[in-house]
Amino acid sequence: LGKQPIIPYTTYQKEQKRKYQHDLSRPQNWQYNAEDDYFIDHQGV
């Protein structure tokens, strides 16, 4: 349709909280290496 949505997704409000942003067990907060395309979780795996 070529329009701009202003529609938050379900977890948008939850992701704005400090507790969520500092929760290293979530994949969204894992360390990512874009050059070699790999993730390292909070345990070092």
ModelCIF file with pLDDT and N, C-alpha, C, O atoms, coordinates in Angstrom:
data_MODEL
#
_entry.id   MODEL 
#
_entity.id                         1 
_entity.type                       polymer 
_entity.pdbx_number_of_molecules   1 
#
_entity_poly.entity_id                      1 
_entity_poly.type                           'polypeptide(L)' 
_entity_poly.nstd_linkage                   no 
_entity_poly.nstd_monomer                   no 
_entity_poly.pdbx_seq_one_letter_code       LGKQPIIPYTTYQKEQKRKYQHDLSRPQNWQYNAEDDYFIDHQGV 
_entity_poly.pdbx_seq_one_letter_code_can   LGKQPIIPYTTYQKEQKRKYQHDLSRPQNWQYNAEDDYFIDHQGV 
_entity_poly.pdbx_strand_id                 A 
#
loop_
_entity_poly_seq.entity_id 
_entity_poly_seq.num 
_entity_poly_seq.mon_id 
_entity_poly_seq.hetero 
1 1  LEU n 
1 2  GLY n 
1 3  LYS n 
1 4  GLN n 
1 5  PRO n 
1 6  ILE n 
1 7  ILE n 
1 8  PRO n 
1 9  TYR n 
1 10 THR n 
1 11 THR n 
1 12 TYR n 
1 13 GLN n 
1 14 LYS n 
1 15 GLU n 
1 16 GLN n 
1 17 LYS n 
1 18 ARG n 
1 19 LYS n 
1 20 TYR n 
1 21 GLN n 
1 22 HIS n 
1 23 ASP n 
1 24 LEU n 
1 25 SER n 
1 26 ARG n 
1 27 PRO n 
1 28 GLN n 
1 29 ASN n 
1 30 TRP n 
1 31 GLN n 
1 32 TYR n 
1 33 ASN n 
1 34 ALA n 
1 35 GLU n 
1 36 ASP n 
1 37 ASP n 
1 38 TYR n 
1 39 PHE n 
1 40 ILE n 
1 41 ASP n 
1 42 HIS n 
1 43 GLN n 
1 44 GLY n 
1 45 VAL n 
#
_struct_asym.id          A 
_struct_asym.entity_id   1 
#
loop_
_ma_qa_metric.id 
_ma_qa_metric.mode 
_ma_qa_metric.name 
_ma_qa_metric.software_group_id 
_ma_qa_metric.type 
1 global pLDDT . pLDDT 
2 local  pLDDT . pLDDT 
#
_ma_qa_metric_global.metric_id      1 
_ma_qa_metric_global.metric_value   90.76 
_ma_qa_metric_global.model_id       1 
_ma_qa_metric_global.ordinal_id     1 
#
loop_
_ma_qa_metric_local.label_asym_id 
_ma_qa_metric_local.label_comp_id 
_ma_qa_metric_local.label_seq_id 
_ma_qa_metric_local.metric_id 
_ma_qa_metric_local.metric_value 
_ma_qa_metric_local.model_id 
_ma_qa_metric_local.ordinal_id 
A LEU 1  2 92.00 1 1  
A GLY 2  2 91.00 1 2  
A LYS 3  2 92.00 1 3  
A GLN 4  2 94.00 1 4  
A PRO 5  2 94.00 1 5  
A ILE 6  2 95.00 1 6  
A ILE 7  2 95.00 1 7  
A PRO 8  2 95.00 1 8  
A TYR 9  2 93.00 1 9  
A THR 10 2 91.00 1 10 
A THR 11 2 90.00 1 11 
A TYR 12 2 91.00 1 12 
A GLN 13 2 90.00 1 13 
A LYS 14 2 90.00 1 14 
A GLU 15 2 88.00 1 15 
A GLN 16 2 89.00 1 16 
A LYS 17 2 90.00 1 17 
A ARG 18 2 90.00 1 18 
A LYS 19 2 91.00 1 19 
A TYR 20 2 89.00 1 20 
A GLN 21 2 87.00 1 21 
A HIS 22 2 87.00 1 22 
A ASP 23 2 87.00 1 23 
A LEU 24 2 87.00 1 24 
A SER 25 2 87.00 1 25 
A ARG 26 2 89.00 1 26 
A PRO 27 2 88.00 1 27 
A GLN 28 2 88.00 1 28 
A ASN 29 2 89.00 1 29 
A TRP 30 2 91.00 1 30 
A GLN 31 2 91.00 1 31 
A TYR 32 2 92.00 1 32 
A ASN 33 2 92.00 1 33 
A ALA 34 2 90.00 1 34 
A GLU 35 2 89.00 1 35 
A ASP 36 2 91.00 1 36 
A ASP 37 2 92.00 1 37 
A TYR 38 2 93.00 1 38 
A PHE 39 2 94.00 1 39 
A ILE 40 2 93.00 1 40 
A ASP 41 2 92.00 1 41 
A HIS 42 2 89.00 1 42 
A GLN 43 2 91.00 1 43 
A GLY 44 2 92.00 1 44 
A VAL 45 2 93.00 1 45 
#
loop_
_atom_site.group_PDB 
_atom_site.id 
_atom_site.type_symbol 
_atom_site.label_atom_id 
_atom_site.label_alt_id 
_atom_site.label_comp_id 
_atom_site.label_asym_id 
_atom_site.label_entity_id 
_atom_site.label_seq_id 
_atom_site.pdbx_PDB_ins_code 
_atom_site.Cartn_x 
_atom_site.Cartn_y 
_atom_site.Cartn_z 
_atom_site.occupancy 
_atom_site.B_iso_or_equiv 
_atom_site.pdbx_formal_charge 
_atom_site.auth_seq_id 
_atom_site.auth_comp_id 
_atom_site.auth_asym_id 
_atom_site.auth_atom_id 
_atom_site.pdbx_PDB_model_num 
ATOM 1   N N  . LEU A 1 1  ? 0.808  -1.221  0.000  1.00 92.00 ? 1  LEU A N  1 
ATOM 2   C CA . LEU A 1 1  ? 0.000  0.000   0.000  1.00 92.00 ? 1  LEU A CA 1 
ATOM 3   C C  . LEU A 1 1  ? 0.839  1.268   0.000  1.00 92.00 ? 1  LEU A C  1 
ATOM 4   O O  . LEU A 1 1  ? 0.324  2.346   -0.297 1.00 92.00 ? 1  LEU A O  1 
ATOM 5   N N  . GLY A 1 2  ? 2.112  1.161   0.325  1.00 91.00 ? 2  GLY A N  1 
ATOM 6   C CA . GLY A 1 2  ? 2.995  2.327   0.286  1.00 91.00 ? 2  GLY A CA 1 
ATOM 7   C C  . GLY A 1 2  ? 2.694  3.368   1.352  1.00 91.00 ? 2  GLY A C  1 
ATOM 8   O O  . GLY A 1 2  ? 2.882  4.561   1.112  1.00 91.00 ? 2  GLY A O  1 
ATOM 9   N N  . LYS A 1 3  ? 2.232  2.945   2.522  1.00 92.00 ? 3  LYS A N  1 
ATOM 10  C CA . LYS A 1 3  ? 1.905  3.866   3.613  1.00 92.00 ? 3  LYS A CA 1 
ATOM 11  C C  . LYS A 1 3  ? 2.817  3.638   4.802  1.00 92.00 ? 3  LYS A C  1 
ATOM 12  O O  . LYS A 1 3  ? 3.503  2.620   4.891  1.00 92.00 ? 3  LYS A O  1 
ATOM 13  N N  . GLN A 1 4  ? 2.816  4.600   5.715  1.00 94.00 ? 4  GLN A N  1 
ATOM 14  C CA . GLN A 1 4  ? 3.642  4.495   6.915  1.00 94.00 ? 4  GLN A CA 1 
ATOM 15  C C  . GLN A 1 4  ? 2.770  4.093   8.089  1.00 94.00 ? 4  GLN A C  1 
ATOM 16  O O  . GLN A 1 4  ? 1.892  4.861   8.482  1.00 94.00 ? 4  GLN A O  1 
ATOM 17  N N  . PRO A 1 5  ? 2.981  2.907   8.667  1.00 94.00 ? 5  PRO A N  1 
ATOM 18  C CA . PRO A 1 5  ? 2.169  2.511   9.821  1.00 94.00 ? 5  PRO A CA 1 
ATOM 19  C C  . PRO A 1 5  ? 2.712  3.090   11.120 1.00 94.00 ? 5  PRO A C  1 
ATOM 20  O O  . PRO A 1 5  ? 3.922  3.129   11.342 1.00 94.00 ? 5  PRO A O  1 
ATOM 21  N N  . ILE A 1 6  ? 1.805  3.534   11.967 1.00 95.00 ? 6  ILE A N  1 
ATOM 22  C CA . ILE A 1 6  ? 2.158  3.872   13.348 1.00 95.00 ? 6  ILE A CA 1 
ATOM 23  C C  . ILE A 1 6  ? 1.383  2.877   14.209 1.00 95.00 ? 6  ILE A C  1 
ATOM 24  O O  . ILE A 1 6  ? 0.389  3.214   14.853 1.00 95.00 ? 6  ILE A O  1 
ATOM 25  N N  . ILE A 1 7  ? 1.872  1.655   14.194 1.00 95.00 ? 7  ILE A N  1 
ATOM 26  C CA . ILE A 1 7  ? 1.199  0.539   14.856 1.00 95.00 ? 7  ILE A CA 1 
ATOM 27  C C  . ILE A 1 7  ? 2.240  -0.202  15.685 1.00 95.00 ? 7  ILE A C  1 
ATOM 28  O O  . ILE A 1 7  ? 3.073  -0.904  15.110 1.00 95.00 ? 7  ILE A O  1 
ATOM 29  N N  . PRO A 1 8  ? 2.231  -0.079  16.978 1.00 95.00 ? 8  PRO A N  1 
ATOM 30  C CA . PRO A 1 8  ? 3.206  -0.824  17.793 1.00 95.00 ? 8  PRO A CA 1 
ATOM 31  C C  . PRO A 1 8  ? 2.921  -2.323  17.742 1.00 95.00 ? 8  PRO A C  1 
ATOM 32  O O  . PRO A 1 8  ? 1.776  -2.748  17.593 1.00 95.00 ? 8  PRO A O  1 
ATOM 33  N N  . TYR A 1 9  ? 3.978  -3.109  17.868 1.00 93.00 ? 9  TYR A N  1 
ATOM 34  C CA . TYR A 1 9  ? 3.797  -4.555  17.948 1.00 93.00 ? 9  TYR A CA 1 
ATOM 35  C C  . TYR A 1 9  ? 3.488  -4.941  19.395 1.00 93.00 ? 9  TYR A C  1 
ATOM 36  O O  . TYR A 1 9  ? 3.527  -4.097  20.290 1.00 93.00 ? 9  TYR A O  1 
ATOM 37  N N  . THR A 1 10 ? 3.184  -6.206  19.617 1.00 91.00 ? 10 THR A N  1 
ATOM 38  C CA . THR A 1 10 ? 2.637  -6.629  20.906 1.00 91.00 ? 10 THR A CA 1 
ATOM 39  C C  . THR A 1 10 ? 3.582  -6.361  22.074 1.00 91.00 ? 10 THR A C  1 
ATOM 40  O O  . THR A 1 10 ? 3.147  -5.943  23.147 1.00 91.00 ? 10 THR A O  1 
ATOM 41  N N  . THR A 1 11 ? 4.860  -6.599  21.866 1.00 90.00 ? 11 THR A N  1 
ATOM 42  C CA . THR A 1 11 ? 5.825  -6.478  22.972 1.00 90.00 ? 11 THR A CA 1 
ATOM 43  C C  . THR A 1 11 ? 6.542  -5.127  22.987 1.00 90.00 ? 11 THR A C  1 
ATOM 44  O O  . THR A 1 11 ? 7.573  -4.987  23.645 1.00 90.00 ? 11 THR A O  1 
ATOM 45  N N  . TYR A 1 12 ? 6.016  -4.144  22.280 1.00 91.00 ? 12 TYR A N  1 
ATOM 46  C CA . TYR A 1 12 ? 6.717  -2.853  22.187 1.00 91.00 ? 12 TYR A CA 1 
ATOM 47  C C  . TYR A 1 12 ? 6.865  -2.199  23.553 1.00 91.00 ? 12 TYR A C  1 
ATOM 48  O O  . TYR A 1 12 ? 7.966  -1.792  23.923 1.00 91.00 ? 12 TYR A O  1 
ATOM 49  N N  . GLN A 1 13 ? 5.779  -2.090  24.306 1.00 90.00 ? 13 GLN A N  1 
ATOM 50  C CA . GLN A 1 13 ? 5.839  -1.449  25.620 1.00 90.00 ? 13 GLN A CA 1 
ATOM 51  C C  . GLN A 1 13 ? 6.745  -2.234  26.569 1.00 90.00 ? 13 GLN A C  1 
ATOM 52  O O  . GLN A 1 13 ? 7.472  -1.650  27.373 1.00 90.00 ? 13 GLN A O  1 
ATOM 53  N N  . LYS A 1 14 ? 6.694  -3.542  26.469 1.00 90.00 ? 14 LYS A N  1 
ATOM 54  C CA . LYS A 1 14 ? 7.527  -4.377  27.335 1.00 90.00 ? 14 LYS A CA 1 
ATOM 55  C C  . LYS A 1 14 ? 9.009  -4.172  27.040 1.00 90.00 ? 14 LYS A C  1 
ATOM 56  O O  . LYS A 1 14 ? 9.835  -4.171  27.953 1.00 90.00 ? 14 LYS A O  1 
ATOM 57  N N  . GLU A 1 15 ? 9.341  -4.001  25.771 1.00 88.00 ? 15 GLU A N  1 
ATOM 58  C CA . GLU A 1 15 ? 10.748 -3.847  25.390 1.00 88.00 ? 15 GLU A CA 1 
ATOM 59  C C  . GLU A 1 15 ? 11.311 -2.491  25.795 1.00 88.00 ? 15 GLU A C  1 
ATOM 60  O O  . GLU A 1 15 ? 12.530 -2.313  25.798 1.00 88.00 ? 15 GLU A O  1 
ATOM 61  N N  . GLN A 1 16 ? 10.461 -1.536  26.135 1.00 89.00 ? 16 GLN A N  1 
ATOM 62  C CA . GLN A 1 16 ? 10.951 -0.226  26.539 1.00 89.00 ? 16 GLN A CA 1 
ATOM 63  C C  . GLN A 1 16 ? 11.400 -0.194  28.000 1.00 89.00 ? 16 GLN A C  1 
ATOM 64  O O  . GLN A 1 16 ? 12.045 0.762   28.432 1.00 89.00 ? 16 GLN A O  1 
ATOM 65  N N  . LYS A 1 17 ? 11.062 -1.232  28.756 1.00 90.00 ? 17 LYS A N  1 
ATOM 66  C CA . LYS A 1 17 ? 11.394 -1.258  30.172 1.00 90.00 ? 17 LYS A CA 1 
ATOM 67  C C  . LYS A 1 17 ? 12.858 -1.636  30.382 1.00 90.00 ? 17 LYS A C  1 
ATOM 68  O O  . LYS A 1 17 ? 13.422 -2.409  29.608 1.00 90.00 ? 17 LYS A O  1 
ATOM 69  N N  . ARG A 1 18 ? 13.454 -1.100  31.407 1.00 90.00 ? 18 ARG A N  1 
ATOM 70  C CA . ARG A 1 18 ? 14.868 -1.333  31.693 1.00 90.00 ? 18 ARG A CA 1 
ATOM 71  C C  . ARG A 1 18 ? 15.137 -2.799  32.023 1.00 90.00 ? 18 ARG A C  1 
ATOM 72  O O  . ARG A 1 18 ? 16.180 -3.341  31.659 1.00 90.00 ? 18 ARG A O  1 
ATOM 73  N N  . LYS A 1 19 ? 14.198 -3.432  32.709 1.00 91.00 ? 19 LYS A N  1 
ATOM 74  C CA . LYS A 1 19 ? 14.377 -4.840  33.067 1.00 91.00 ? 19 LYS A CA 1 
ATOM 75  C C  . LYS A 1 19 ? 14.526 -5.710  31.834 1.00 91.00 ? 19 LYS A C  1 
ATOM 76  O O  . LYS A 1 19 ? 15.353 -6.622  31.807 1.00 91.00 ? 19 LYS A O  1 
ATOM 77  N N  . TYR A 1 20 ? 13.723 -5.428  30.809 1.00 89.00 ? 20 TYR A N  1 
ATOM 78  C CA . TYR A 1 20 ? 13.785 -6.210  29.569 1.00 89.00 ? 20 TYR A CA 1 
ATOM 79  C C  . TYR A 1 20 ? 15.103 -5.937  28.837 1.00 89.00 ? 20 TYR A C  1 
ATOM 80  O O  . TYR A 1 20 ? 15.735 -6.863  28.330 1.00 89.00 ? 20 TYR A O  1 
ATOM 81  N N  . GLN A 1 21 ? 15.509 -4.689  28.782 1.00 87.00 ? 21 GLN A N  1 
ATOM 82  C CA . GLN A 1 21 ? 16.710 -4.330  28.035 1.00 87.00 ? 21 GLN A CA 1 
ATOM 83  C C  . GLN A 1 21 ? 17.984 -4.862  28.679 1.00 87.00 ? 21 GLN A C  1 
ATOM 84  O O  . GLN A 1 21 ? 18.997 -5.028  28.000 1.00 87.00 ? 21 GLN A O  1 
ATOM 85  N N  . HIS A 1 22 ? 17.943 -5.134  29.995 1.00 87.00 ? 22 HIS A N  1 
ATOM 86  C CA . HIS A 1 22 ? 19.125 -5.647  30.695 1.00 87.00 ? 22 HIS A CA 1 
ATOM 87  C C  . HIS A 1 22 ? 19.029 -7.144  30.973 1.00 87.00 ? 22 HIS A C  1 
ATOM 88  O O  . HIS A 1 22 ? 19.865 -7.697  31.689 1.00 87.00 ? 22 HIS A O  1 
ATOM 89  N N  . ASP A 1 23 ? 18.031 -7.791  30.420 1.00 87.00 ? 23 ASP A N  1 
ATOM 90  C CA . ASP A 1 23 ? 17.877 -9.237  30.595 1.00 87.00 ? 23 ASP A CA 1 
ATOM 91  C C  . ASP A 1 23 ? 18.716 -9.948  29.533 1.00 87.00 ? 23 ASP A C  1 
ATOM 92  O O  . ASP A 1 23 ? 18.292 -10.072 28.384 1.00 87.00 ? 23 ASP A O  1 
ATOM 93  N N  . LEU A 1 24 ? 19.914 -10.418 29.919 1.00 87.00 ? 24 LEU A N  1 
ATOM 94  C CA . LEU A 1 24 ? 20.842 -11.020 28.962 1.00 87.00 ? 24 LEU A CA 1 
ATOM 95  C C  . LEU A 1 24 ? 20.427 -12.413 28.527 1.00 87.00 ? 24 LEU A C  1 
ATOM 96  O O  . LEU A 1 24 ? 21.020 -12.956 27.594 1.00 87.00 ? 24 LEU A O  1 
ATOM 97  N N  . SER A 1 25 ? 19.443 -13.004 29.157 1.00 87.00 ? 25 SER A N  1 
ATOM 98  C CA . SER A 1 25 ? 18.989 -14.324 28.731 1.00 87.00 ? 25 SER A CA 1 
ATOM 99  C C  . SER A 1 25 ? 18.153 -14.259 27.449 1.00 87.00 ? 25 SER A C  1 
ATOM 100 O O  . SER A 1 25 ? 17.904 -15.290 26.825 1.00 87.00 ? 25 SER A O  1 
ATOM 101 N N  . ARG A 1 26 ? 17.719 -13.060 27.053 1.00 89.00 ? 26 ARG A N  1 
ATOM 102 C CA . ARG A 1 26 ? 16.918 -12.906 25.833 1.00 89.00 ? 26 ARG A CA 1 
ATOM 103 C C  . ARG A 1 26 ? 17.836 -12.778 24.621 1.00 89.00 ? 26 ARG A C  1 
ATOM 104 O O  . ARG A 1 26 ? 18.811 -12.028 24.677 1.00 89.00 ? 26 ARG A O  1 
ATOM 105 N N  . PRO A 1 27 ? 17.557 -13.481 23.534 1.00 88.00 ? 27 PRO A N  1 
ATOM 106 C CA . PRO A 1 27 ? 18.420 -13.413 22.333 1.00 88.00 ? 27 PRO A CA 1 
ATOM 107 C C  . PRO A 1 27 ? 18.566 -12.005 21.779 1.00 88.00 ? 27 PRO A C  1 
ATOM 108 O O  . PRO A 1 27 ? 19.578 -11.687 21.156 1.00 88.00 ? 27 PRO A O  1 
ATOM 109 N N  . GLN A 1 28 ? 17.538 -11.133 22.005 1.00 88.00 ? 28 GLN A N  1 
ATOM 110 C CA . GLN A 1 28 ? 17.630 -9.768  21.494 1.00 88.00 ? 28 GLN A CA 1 
ATOM 111 C C  . GLN A 1 28 ? 18.790 -9.001  22.121 1.00 88.00 ? 28 GLN A C  1 
ATOM 112 O O  . GLN A 1 28 ? 19.289 -8.039  21.537 1.00 88.00 ? 28 GLN A O  1 
ATOM 113 N N  . ASN A 1 29 ? 19.220 -9.427  23.311 1.00 89.00 ? 29 ASN A N  1 
ATOM 114 C CA . ASN A 1 29 ? 20.301 -8.726  24.010 1.00 89.00 ? 29 ASN A CA 1 
ATOM 115 C C  . ASN A 1 29 ? 21.643 -9.450  23.924 1.00 89.00 ? 29 ASN A C  1 
ATOM 116 O O  . ASN A 1 29 ? 22.594 -9.071  24.609 1.00 89.00 ? 29 ASN A O  1 
ATOM 117 N N  . TRP A 1 30 ? 21.729 -10.477 23.098 1.00 91.00 ? 30 TRP A N  1 
ATOM 118 C CA . TRP A 1 30 ? 22.997 -11.196 22.951 1.00 91.00 ? 30 TRP A CA 1 
ATOM 119 C C  . TRP A 1 30 ? 23.961 -10.391 22.087 1.00 91.00 ? 30 TRP A C  1 
ATOM 120 O O  . TRP A 1 30 ? 23.558 -9.526  21.310 1.00 91.00 ? 30 TRP A O  1 
ATOM 121 N N  . GLN A 1 31 ? 25.229 -10.697 22.244 1.00 91.00 ? 31 GLN A N  1 
ATOM 122 C CA . GLN A 1 31 ? 26.270 -10.059 21.439 1.00 91.00 ? 31 GLN A CA 1 
ATOM 123 C C  . GLN A 1 31 ? 26.247 -10.638 20.037 1.00 91.00 ? 31 GLN A C  1 
ATOM 124 O O  . GLN A 1 31 ? 26.224 -11.858 19.871 1.00 91.00 ? 31 GLN A O  1 
ATOM 125 N N  . TYR A 1 32 ? 26.253 -9.773  19.019 1.00 92.00 ? 32 TYR A N  1 
ATOM 126 C CA . TYR A 1 32 ? 26.177 -10.237 17.631 1.00 92.00 ? 32 TYR A CA 1 
ATOM 127 C C  . TYR A 1 32 ? 27.365 -9.710  16.852 1.00 92.00 ? 32 TYR A C  1 
ATOM 128 O O  . TYR A 1 32 ? 27.712 -8.532  16.949 1.00 92.00 ? 32 TYR A O  1 
ATOM 129 N N  . ASN A 1 33 ? 27.990 -10.592 16.075 1.00 92.00 ? 33 ASN A N  1 
ATOM 130 C CA . ASN A 1 33 ? 29.104 -10.243 15.199 1.00 92.00 ? 33 ASN A CA 1 
ATOM 131 C C  . ASN A 1 33 ? 28.584 -10.274 13.765 1.00 92.00 ? 33 ASN A C  1 
ATOM 132 O O  . ASN A 1 33 ? 28.357 -11.344 13.200 1.00 92.00 ? 33 ASN A O  1 
ATOM 133 N N  . ALA A 1 34 ? 28.395 -9.076  13.176 1.00 90.00 ? 34 ALA A N  1 
ATOM 134 C CA . ALA A 1 34 ? 27.808 -8.999  11.839 1.00 90.00 ? 34 ALA A CA 1 
ATOM 135 C C  . ALA A 1 34 ? 28.772 -9.485  10.765 1.00 90.00 ? 34 ALA A C  1 
ATOM 136 O O  . ALA A 1 34 ? 28.342 -10.003 9.734  1.00 90.00 ? 34 ALA A O  1 
ATOM 137 N N  . GLU A 1 35 ? 30.075 -9.323  10.998 1.00 89.00 ? 35 GLU A N  1 
ATOM 138 C CA . GLU A 1 35 ? 31.057 -9.702  9.955  1.00 89.00 ? 35 GLU A CA 1 
ATOM 139 C C  . GLU A 1 35 ? 31.083 -11.203 9.755  1.00 89.00 ? 35 GLU A C  1 
ATOM 140 O O  . GLU A 1 35 ? 31.068 -11.671 8.617  1.00 89.00 ? 35 GLU A O  1 
ATOM 141 N N  . ASP A 1 36 ? 31.123 -11.967 10.835 1.00 91.00 ? 36 ASP A N  1 
ATOM 142 C CA . ASP A 1 36 ? 31.173 -13.429 10.729 1.00 91.00 ? 36 ASP A CA 1 
ATOM 143 C C  . ASP A 1 36 ? 29.810 -14.078 10.966 1.00 91.00 ? 36 ASP A C  1 
ATOM 144 O O  . ASP A 1 36 ? 29.689 -15.300 10.891 1.00 91.00 ? 36 ASP A O  1 
ATOM 145 N N  . ASP A 1 37 ? 28.790 -13.279 11.249 1.00 92.00 ? 37 ASP A N  1 
ATOM 146 C CA . ASP A 1 37 ? 27.406 -13.747 11.391 1.00 92.00 ? 37 ASP A CA 1 
ATOM 147 C C  . ASP A 1 37 ? 27.285 -14.829 12.474 1.00 92.00 ? 37 ASP A C  1 
ATOM 148 O O  . ASP A 1 37 ? 26.981 -15.986 12.183 1.00 92.00 ? 37 ASP A O  1 
ATOM 149 N N  . TYR A 1 38 ? 27.526 -14.434 13.704 1.00 93.00 ? 38 TYR A N  1 
ATOM 150 C CA . TYR A 1 38 ? 27.306 -15.368 14.816 1.00 93.00 ? 38 TYR A CA 1 
ATOM 151 C C  . TYR A 1 38 ? 26.896 -14.590 16.061 1.00 93.00 ? 38 TYR A C  1 
ATOM 152 O O  . TYR A 1 38 ? 27.155 -13.393 16.182 1.00 93.00 ? 38 TYR A O  1 
ATOM 153 N N  . PHE A 1 39 ? 26.242 -15.307 16.993 1.00 94.00 ? 39 PHE A N  1 
ATOM 154 C CA . PHE A 1 39 ? 25.805 -14.737 18.271 1.00 94.00 ? 39 PHE A CA 1 
ATOM 155 C C  . PHE A 1 39 ? 26.583 -15.392 19.405 1.00 94.00 ? 39 PHE A C  1 
ATOM 156 O O  . PHE A 1 39 ? 27.035 -16.532 19.294 1.00 94.00 ? 39 PHE A O  1 
ATOM 157 N N  . ILE A 1 40 ? 26.729 -14.650 20.494 1.00 93.00 ? 40 ILE A N  1 
ATOM 158 C CA . ILE A 1 40 ? 27.292 -15.201 21.734 1.00 93.00 ? 40 ILE A CA 1 
ATOM 159 C C  . ILE A 1 40 ? 26.307 -14.885 22.849 1.00 93.00 ? 40 ILE A C  1 
ATOM 160 O O  . ILE A 1 40 ? 26.012 -13.718 23.108 1.00 93.00 ? 40 ILE A O  1 
ATOM 161 N N  . ASP A 1 41 ? 25.799 -15.920 23.510 1.00 92.00 ? 41 ASP A N  1 
ATOM 162 C CA . ASP A 1 41 ? 24.785 -15.693 24.540 1.00 92.00 ? 41 ASP A CA 1 
ATOM 163 C C  . ASP A 1 41 ? 25.435 -15.226 25.837 1.00 92.00 ? 41 ASP A C  1 
ATOM 164 O O  . ASP A 1 41 ? 26.650 -15.044 25.909 1.00 92.00 ? 41 ASP A O  1 
ATOM 165 N N  . HIS A 1 42 ? 24.593 -15.032 26.871 1.00 89.00 ? 42 HIS A N  1 
ATOM 166 C CA . HIS A 1 42 ? 25.066 -14.482 28.133 1.00 89.00 ? 42 HIS A CA 1 
ATOM 167 C C  . HIS A 1 42 ? 25.988 -15.444 28.881 1.00 89.00 ? 42 HIS A C  1 
ATOM 168 O O  . HIS A 1 42 ? 26.684 -15.032 29.808 1.00 89.00 ? 42 HIS A O  1 
ATOM 169 N N  . GLN A 1 43 ? 26.001 -16.739 28.484 1.00 91.00 ? 43 GLN A N  1 
ATOM 170 C CA . GLN A 1 43 ? 26.880 -17.714 29.122 1.00 91.00 ? 43 GLN A CA 1 
ATOM 171 C C  . GLN A 1 43 ? 28.193 -17.897 28.373 1.00 91.00 ? 43 GLN A C  1 
ATOM 172 O O  . GLN A 1 43 ? 29.103 -18.580 28.845 1.00 91.00 ? 43 GLN A O  1 
ATOM 173 N N  . GLY A 1 44 ? 28.277 -17.269 27.184 1.00 92.00 ? 44 GLY A N  1 
ATOM 174 C CA . GLY A 1 44 ? 29.493 -17.379 26.383 1.00 92.00 ? 44 GLY A CA 1 
ATOM 175 C C  . GLY A 1 44 ? 29.411 -18.413 25.286 1.00 92.00 ? 44 GLY A C  1 
ATOM 176 O O  . GLY A 1 44 ? 30.408 -18.645 24.603 1.00 92.00 ? 44 GLY A O  1 
ATOM 177 N N  . VAL A 1 45 ? 28.262 -19.049 25.083 1.00 93.00 ? 45 VAL A N  1 
ATOM 178 C CA . VAL A 1 45 ? 28.101 -20.057 24.028 1.00 93.00 ? 45 VAL A CA 1 
ATOM 179 C C  . VAL A 1 45 ? 27.948 -19.345 22.694 1.00 93.00 ? 45 VAL A C  1 
ATOM 180 O O  . VAL A 1 45 ? 27.798 -19.996 21.660 1.00 93.00 ? 45 VAL A O  1 
#
